[in-house]
Amino acid sequence: QVQLVESGGGLVQAGGSLRLSCAASGNIFRINDMGWYRQAPGKERELVAVITSGLRSNYADSVKGRFTIFRDNAKNTVYLQMNSLKPEDTAVYYCNADITSPTGFRRLTWGQGTQVTVSS
């Protein structure tokens, strides 16, 4: 079984920064893509950023130039550095990871979510 544990959320003023972390543990052979999504109240979950095992990244237009996704493969951890935060970035942030087990079973796993609140 695989588990993703997120940390780093909290309350910050507009213009401030936060760094989210998401660590994978359990029965892991390989971690493929890793990503961050967010869901604001009354809205659908949306992609924020994704990073491949080869370290290529893509971002939602709304966060380009402000957020950076990176990963430490030795620690099975993905990060989201969020700068110049805006009130509209307020949401629950979820990480996910496409993980292959030692037996070859491949599954997309989600974290439990961490709240980010940006005050104006």
C-alpha atoms as a PDB file:
ATOM      1  CA  GLN A   1       0.000   0.000   0.000  1.00  0.00           C
ATOM      2  CA  VAL A   2       1.163   3.528  -0.816  1.00  0.00           C
ATOM      3  CA  GLN A   3       0.521   6.676   1.168  1.00  0.00           C
ATOM      4  CA  LEU A   4       1.032  10.359   0.343  1.00  0.00           C
ATOM      5  CA  VAL A   5       1.400  12.750   3.267  1.00  0.00           C
ATOM      6  CA  GLU A   6       1.199  16.494   2.656  1.00  0.00           C
ATOM      7  CA  SER A   7       2.423  19.312   4.838  1.00  0.00           C
ATOM      8  CA  GLY A   8       3.139  23.029   4.709  1.00  0.00           C
ATOM      9  CA  GLY A   9      -0.281  24.599   4.338  1.00  0.00           C
ATOM     10  CA  GLY A  10      -1.479  27.473   6.452  1.00  0.00           C
ATOM     11  CA  LEU A  11      -2.589  31.093   6.593  1.00  0.00           C
ATOM     12  CA  VAL A  12      -0.536  33.757   4.832  1.00  0.00           C
ATOM     13  CA  GLN A  13      -1.056  37.354   3.780  1.00  0.00           C
ATOM     14  CA  ALA A  14      -1.323  38.306   0.130  1.00  0.00           C
ATOM     15  CA  GLY A  15       2.129  38.621  -1.390  1.00  0.00           C
ATOM     16  CA  GLY A  16       3.564  36.040   0.961  1.00  0.00           C
ATOM     17  CA  SER A  17       5.018  32.591   0.327  1.00  0.00           C
ATOM     18  CA  LEU A  18       4.423  29.002   1.357  1.00  0.00           C
ATOM     19  CA  ARG A  19       6.084  25.718   0.490  1.00  0.00           C
ATOM     20  CA  LEU A  20       4.024  22.538   0.350  1.00  0.00           C
ATOM     21  CA  SER A  21       5.573  19.099   0.651  1.00  0.00           C
ATOM     22  CA  CYS A  22       4.192  15.698  -0.243  1.00  0.00           C
ATOM     23  CA  ALA A  23       6.064  12.544   0.723  1.00  0.00           C
ATOM     24  CA  ALA A  24       5.253   9.118  -0.683  1.00  0.00           C
ATOM     25  CA  SER A  25       5.846   5.969   1.311  1.00  0.00           C
ATOM     26  CA  GLY A  26       5.010   2.288   1.112  1.00  0.00           C
ATOM     27  CA  ASN A  27       5.277  -0.313  -1.611  1.00  0.00           C
ATOM     28  CA  ILE A  28       7.038   1.743  -4.290  1.00  0.00           C
ATOM     29  CA  PHE A  29       9.121   0.613  -7.235  1.00  0.00           C
ATOM     30  CA  ARG A  30       8.943   3.776  -9.289  1.00  0.00           C
ATOM     31  CA  ILE A  31       7.192   7.136  -9.083  1.00  0.00           C
ATOM     32  CA  ASN A  32       6.222   8.513 -12.479  1.00  0.00           C
ATOM     33  CA  ASP A  33       4.412  11.875 -12.712  1.00  0.00           C
ATOM     34  CA  MET A  34       3.734  13.836  -9.537  1.00  0.00           C
ATOM     35  CA  GLY A  35       1.379  16.758  -9.330  1.00  0.00           C
ATOM     36  CA  TRP A  36      -0.458  19.338  -7.293  1.00  0.00           C
ATOM     37  CA  TYR A  37      -4.153  20.129  -7.629  1.00  0.00           C
ATOM     38  CA  ARG A  38      -6.379  22.481  -5.708  1.00  0.00           C
ATOM     39  CA  GLN A  39     -10.052  22.834  -4.952  1.00  0.00           C
ATOM     40  CA  ALA A  40     -11.640  26.057  -3.773  1.00  0.00           C
ATOM     41  CA  PRO A  41     -15.095  26.097  -2.112  1.00  0.00           C
ATOM     42  CA  GLY A  42     -17.827  25.619  -4.677  1.00  0.00           C
ATOM     43  CA  LYS A  43     -15.367  24.932  -7.478  1.00  0.00           C
ATOM     44  CA  GLU A  44     -14.045  21.849  -9.207  1.00  0.00           C
ATOM     45  CA  ARG A  45     -10.602  20.470  -8.483  1.00  0.00           C
ATOM     46  CA  GLU A  46      -8.063  21.945 -10.904  1.00  0.00           C
ATOM     47  CA  LEU A  47      -4.515  21.170 -11.912  1.00  0.00           C
ATOM     48  CA  VAL A  48      -1.887  23.503 -10.486  1.00  0.00           C
ATOM     49  CA  ALA A  49       1.362  21.904 -11.621  1.00  0.00           C
ATOM     50  CA  VAL A  50       2.790  18.567 -12.671  1.00  0.00           C
ATOM     51  CA  ILE A  51       6.332  17.242 -12.895  1.00  0.00           C
ATOM     52  CA  THR A  52       7.483  14.125 -14.713  1.00  0.00           C
ATOM     53  CA  SER A  53      10.107  11.642 -13.551  1.00  0.00           C
ATOM     54  CA  GLY A  54      12.409  13.351 -16.037  1.00  0.00           C
ATOM     55  CA  LEU A  55      11.824  16.680 -14.264  1.00  0.00           C
ATOM     56  CA  ARG A  56       9.750  18.330 -16.970  1.00  0.00           C
ATOM     57  CA  SER A  57       7.076  20.544 -15.488  1.00  0.00           C
ATOM     58  CA  ASN A  58       3.848  22.212 -16.558  1.00  0.00           C
ATOM     59  CA  TYR A  59       1.764  24.821 -14.807  1.00  0.00           C
ATOM     60  CA  ALA A  60      -1.709  26.262 -14.867  1.00  0.00           C
ATOM     61  CA  ASP A  61      -1.693  29.693 -16.475  1.00  0.00           C
ATOM     62  CA  SER A  62      -2.950  31.225 -13.239  1.00  0.00           C
ATOM     63  CA  VAL A  63       0.216  30.250 -11.333  1.00  0.00           C
ATOM     64  CA  LYS A  64       2.932  30.539 -13.972  1.00  0.00           C
ATOM     65  CA  GLY A  65       5.797  32.700 -12.781  1.00  0.00           C
ATOM     66  CA  ARG A  66       4.652  32.486  -9.148  1.00  0.00           C
ATOM     67  CA  PHE A  67       4.678  28.762  -8.297  1.00  0.00           C
ATOM     68  CA  THR A  68       7.465  26.229  -8.784  1.00  0.00           C
ATOM     69  CA  ILE A  69       7.095  22.465  -8.600  1.00  0.00           C
ATOM     70  CA  PHE A  70      10.146  20.327  -7.907  1.00  0.00           C
ATOM     71  CA  ARG A  71      10.868  16.868  -6.587  1.00  0.00           C
ATOM     72  CA  ASP A  72      13.514  14.936  -4.698  1.00  0.00           C
ATOM     73  CA  ASN A  73      13.474  11.419  -6.084  1.00  0.00           C
ATOM     74  CA  ALA A  74      15.754  10.128  -3.333  1.00  0.00           C
ATOM     75  CA  LYS A  75      13.123  11.168  -0.777  1.00  0.00           C
ATOM     76  CA  ASN A  76      10.061  10.296  -2.905  1.00  0.00           C
ATOM     77  CA  THR A  77       8.885  13.840  -2.252  1.00  0.00           C
ATOM     78  CA  VAL A  78       7.346  16.549  -4.397  1.00  0.00           C
ATOM     79  CA  TYR A  79       7.249  20.209  -3.400  1.00  0.00           C
ATOM     80  CA  LEU A  80       5.289  23.266  -4.446  1.00  0.00           C
ATOM     81  CA  GLN A  81       6.934  26.602  -3.777  1.00  0.00           C
ATOM     82  CA  MET A  82       4.269  29.289  -3.868  1.00  0.00           C
ATOM     83  CA  ASN A  83       5.321  32.934  -4.065  1.00  0.00           C
ATOM     84  CA  SER A  84       3.373  36.158  -4.526  1.00  0.00           C
ATOM     85  CA  LEU A  85       0.265  34.469  -3.193  1.00  0.00           C
ATOM     86  CA  LYS A  86      -3.129  35.970  -3.949  1.00  0.00           C
ATOM     87  CA  PRO A  87      -6.487  35.565  -2.177  1.00  0.00           C
ATOM     88  CA  GLU A  88      -7.713  33.582  -5.189  1.00  0.00           C
ATOM     89  CA  ASP A  89      -5.060  30.950  -4.434  1.00  0.00           C
ATOM     90  CA  THR A  90      -7.054  30.012  -1.334  1.00  0.00           C
ATOM     91  CA  ALA A  91      -8.012  26.342  -1.625  1.00  0.00           C
ATOM     92  CA  VAL A  92      -7.349  22.849  -0.376  1.00  0.00           C
ATOM     93  CA  TYR A  93      -4.229  21.632  -2.146  1.00  0.00           C
ATOM     94  CA  TYR A  94      -3.859  17.953  -3.015  1.00  0.00           C
ATOM     95  CA  CYS A  95      -0.842  16.126  -4.308  1.00  0.00           C
ATOM     96  CA  ASN A  96      -0.967  13.016  -6.431  1.00  0.00           C
ATOM     97  CA  ALA A  97       1.537  10.524  -7.738  1.00  0.00           C
ATOM     98  CA  ASP A  98       1.494   7.882 -10.446  1.00  0.00           C
ATOM     99  CA  ILE A  99       3.232   4.992  -8.700  1.00  0.00           C
ATOM    100  CA  THR A 100       4.375   1.602  -9.933  1.00  0.00           C
ATOM    101  CA  SER A 101       4.664  -1.172  -7.354  1.00  0.00           C
ATOM    102  CA  PRO A 102       7.404  -3.843  -7.357  1.00  0.00           C
ATOM    103  CA  THR A 103       4.890  -6.240  -8.926  1.00  0.00           C
ATOM    104  CA  GLY A 104       4.236  -3.840 -11.786  1.00  0.00           C
ATOM    105  CA  PHE A 105       0.869  -2.601 -10.592  1.00  0.00           C
ATOM    106  CA  ARG A 106       0.437   1.059 -11.483  1.00  0.00           C
ATOM    107  CA  ARG A 107      -1.921   3.350  -9.603  1.00  0.00           C
ATOM    108  CA  LEU A 108      -2.646   7.048  -9.155  1.00  0.00           C
ATOM    109  CA  THR A 109      -2.593   7.892  -5.464  1.00  0.00           C
ATOM    110  CA  TRP A 110      -3.851  11.082  -3.781  1.00  0.00           C
ATOM    111  CA  GLY A 111      -2.871  12.839  -0.592  1.00  0.00           C
ATOM    112  CA  GLN A 112      -5.368  13.931   2.033  1.00  0.00           C
ATOM    113  CA  GLY A 113      -5.136  17.627   1.195  1.00  0.00           C
ATOM    114  CA  THR A 114      -3.762  20.659   2.991  1.00  0.00           C
ATOM    115  CA  GLN A 115      -5.520  23.989   3.421  1.00  0.00           C
ATOM    116  CA  VAL A 116      -3.943  27.161   2.053  1.00  0.00           C
ATOM    117  CA  THR A 117      -5.618  30.435   2.982  1.00  0.00           C
ATOM    118  CA  VAL A 118      -4.426  33.771   1.634  1.00  0.00           C
ATOM    119  CA  SER A 119      -5.783  36.866   3.329  1.00  0.00           C
ATOM    120  CA  SER A 120      -6.091  40.210   1.563  1.00  0.00           C
END
